[in-house]
C-alpha atoms as a PDB file:
ATOM      1  CA  MET A   1      35.186-148.229-111.932  1.00  0.00           C
ATOM      2  CA  PRO A   2      38.502-146.295-112.281  1.00  0.00           C
ATOM      3  CA  ILE A   3      41.749-148.484-111.975  1.00  0.00           C
ATOM      4  CA  ALA A   4      45.255-147.459-111.718  1.00  0.00           C
ATOM      5  CA  PHE A   5      48.639-149.226-111.423  1.00  0.00           C
ATOM      6  CA  VAL A   6      51.018-147.396-109.101  1.00  0.00           C
ATOM      7  CA  LEU A   7      54.648-148.033-109.248  1.00  0.00           C
ATOM      8  CA  LEU A   8      56.609-147.260-106.220  1.00  0.00           C
ATOM      9  CA  THR A   9      60.237-146.616-105.202  1.00  0.00           C
ATOM     10  CA  VAL A  10      60.840-147.573-101.672  1.00  0.00           C
ATOM     11  CA  GLU A  11      63.687-146.898 -99.221  1.00  0.00           C
ATOM     12  CA  PRO A  12      66.186-149.767 -99.460  1.00  0.00           C
ATOM     13  CA  GLY A  13      65.690-152.698 -96.958  1.00  0.00           C
ATOM     14  CA  LYS A  14      61.861-151.439 -96.266  1.00  0.00           C
ATOM     15  CA  GLU A  15      60.252-153.157 -99.340  1.00  0.00           C
ATOM     16  CA  GLU A  16      58.581-155.886 -97.176  1.00  0.00           C
ATOM     17  CA  ASP A  17      57.246-153.427 -94.673  1.00  0.00           C
ATOM     18  CA  VAL A  18      55.673-151.229 -97.338  1.00  0.00           C
ATOM     19  CA  LEU A  19      54.132-153.973 -99.158  1.00  0.00           C
ATOM     20  CA  ASN A  20      52.614-155.488 -96.044  1.00  0.00           C
ATOM     21  CA  LYS A  21      51.112-152.090 -95.212  1.00  0.00           C
ATOM     22  CA  LEU A  22      49.797-151.692 -98.837  1.00  0.00           C
ATOM     23  CA  LYS A  23      47.984-155.010 -98.515  1.00  0.00           C
ATOM     24  CA  THR A  24      46.066-153.674 -95.457  1.00  0.00           C
ATOM     25  CA  LEU A  25      44.235-150.930 -97.599  1.00  0.00           C
ATOM     26  CA  PRO A  26      41.004-152.223 -98.823  1.00  0.00           C
ATOM     27  CA  GLU A  27      41.252-150.304-102.151  1.00  0.00           C
ATOM     28  CA  ILE A  28      44.408-152.103-103.160  1.00  0.00           C
ATOM     29  CA  MET A  29      43.344-154.969-105.395  1.00  0.00           C
ATOM     30  CA  GLU A  30      46.756-156.205-105.750  1.00  0.00           C
ATOM     31  CA  ALA A  31      50.398-155.534-104.333  1.00  0.00           C
ATOM     32  CA  HIS A  32      53.605-157.145-105.652  1.00  0.00           C
ATOM     33  CA  ARG A  33      57.299-156.641-104.986  1.00  0.00           C
ATOM     34  CA  VAL A  34      59.111-156.394-108.324  1.00  0.00           C
ATOM     35  CA  TYR A  35      62.733-156.145-109.697  1.00  0.00           C
ATOM     36  CA  GLY A  36      63.901-153.250-111.915  1.00  0.00           C
ATOM     37  CA  VAL A  37      63.517-149.530-111.844  1.00  0.00           C
ATOM     38  CA  TYR A  38      60.656-149.668-109.093  1.00  0.00           C
ATOM     39  CA  ASP A  39      60.220-151.868-106.225  1.00  0.00           C
ATOM     40  CA  THR A  40      56.634-152.444-105.673  1.00  0.00           C
ATOM     41  CA  VAL A  41      53.559-152.210-108.134  1.00  0.00           C
ATOM     42  CA  VAL A  42      50.084-152.061-106.777  1.00  0.00           C
ATOM     43  CA  LYS A  43      46.462-152.049-108.465  1.00  0.00           C
ATOM     44  CA  VAL A  44      44.111-149.753-106.899  1.00  0.00           C
ATOM     45  CA  ASN A  45      40.446-149.311-107.796  1.00  0.00           C
ATOM     46  CA  ALA A  46      37.893-146.796-106.662  1.00  0.00           C
ATOM     47  CA  PRO A  47      34.063-145.900-107.271  1.00  0.00           C
ATOM     48  CA  THR A  48      35.099-142.533-108.911  1.00  0.00           C
ATOM     49  CA  PRO A  49      38.083-140.937-110.493  1.00  0.00           C
ATOM     50  CA  GLU A  50      38.225-138.133-107.621  1.00  0.00           C
ATOM     51  CA  LYS A  51      38.398-141.103-105.048  1.00  0.00           C
ATOM     52  CA  LEU A  52      41.109-142.749-106.846  1.00  0.00           C
ATOM     53  CA  LYS A  53      43.153-139.698-106.827  1.00  0.00           C
ATOM     54  CA  GLU A  54      42.301-139.313-103.153  1.00  0.00           C
ATOM     55  CA  ILE A  55      43.568-143.073-102.361  1.00  0.00           C
ATOM     56  CA  ILE A  56      46.734-142.478-104.189  1.00  0.00           C
ATOM     57  CA  THR A  57      47.520-139.234-102.811  1.00  0.00           C
ATOM     58  CA  TRP A  58      46.479-139.566 -99.198  1.00  0.00           C
ATOM     59  CA  LYS A  59      46.761-143.489 -98.632  1.00  0.00           C
ATOM     60  CA  VAL A  60      49.493-144.859-101.103  1.00  0.00           C
ATOM     61  CA  ARG A  61      51.905-141.920-101.217  1.00  0.00           C
ATOM     62  CA  LYS A  62      51.774-141.557 -97.569  1.00  0.00           C
ATOM     63  CA  VAL A  63      52.871-145.012 -96.708  1.00  0.00           C
ATOM     64  CA  GLU A  64      56.010-144.853 -94.465  1.00  0.00           C
ATOM     65  CA  ASN A  65      59.338-145.448 -96.396  1.00  0.00           C
ATOM     66  CA  VAL A  66      57.720-144.713 -99.968  1.00  0.00           C
ATOM     67  CA  LYS A  67      60.080-142.437-101.868  1.00  0.00           C
ATOM     68  CA  SER A  68      58.243-141.807-105.108  1.00  0.00           C
ATOM     69  CA  THR A  69      55.303-143.072-107.142  1.00  0.00           C
ATOM     70  CA  LEU A  70      54.389-143.315-110.778  1.00  0.00           C
ATOM     71  CA  THR A  71      50.787-143.781-111.660  1.00  0.00           C
ATOM     72  CA  MET A  72      49.346-145.173-114.835  1.00  0.00           C
ATOM     73  CA  LEU A  73      45.568-144.861-115.223  1.00  0.00           C
ATOM     74  CA  VAL A  74      43.781-147.811-116.951  1.00  0.00           C
ATOM     75  CA  VAL A  75      41.800-146.322-119.967  1.00  0.00           C
ATOM     76  CA  GLU A  76      40.279-149.701-121.298  1.00  0.00           C
ATOM     77  CA  GLN A  77      39.236-152.884-119.496  1.00  0.00           C
END
């Protein structure tokens, strides 16, 4: 099962709203606010690589107030 970690940059002051929305998505295994260059990190899993791409592109990146993302695919579990 493909897994990815996605780092998100969020509009200032909207971090909690984004985090709460992400936690409602069933494909999100974990979601955390973090300090540093990025504001939020999520762990996503899917049944296929194609579905993983679809989830990140059409669900995670489309959450309101998400400015940018960086996706890291897990190569070994």
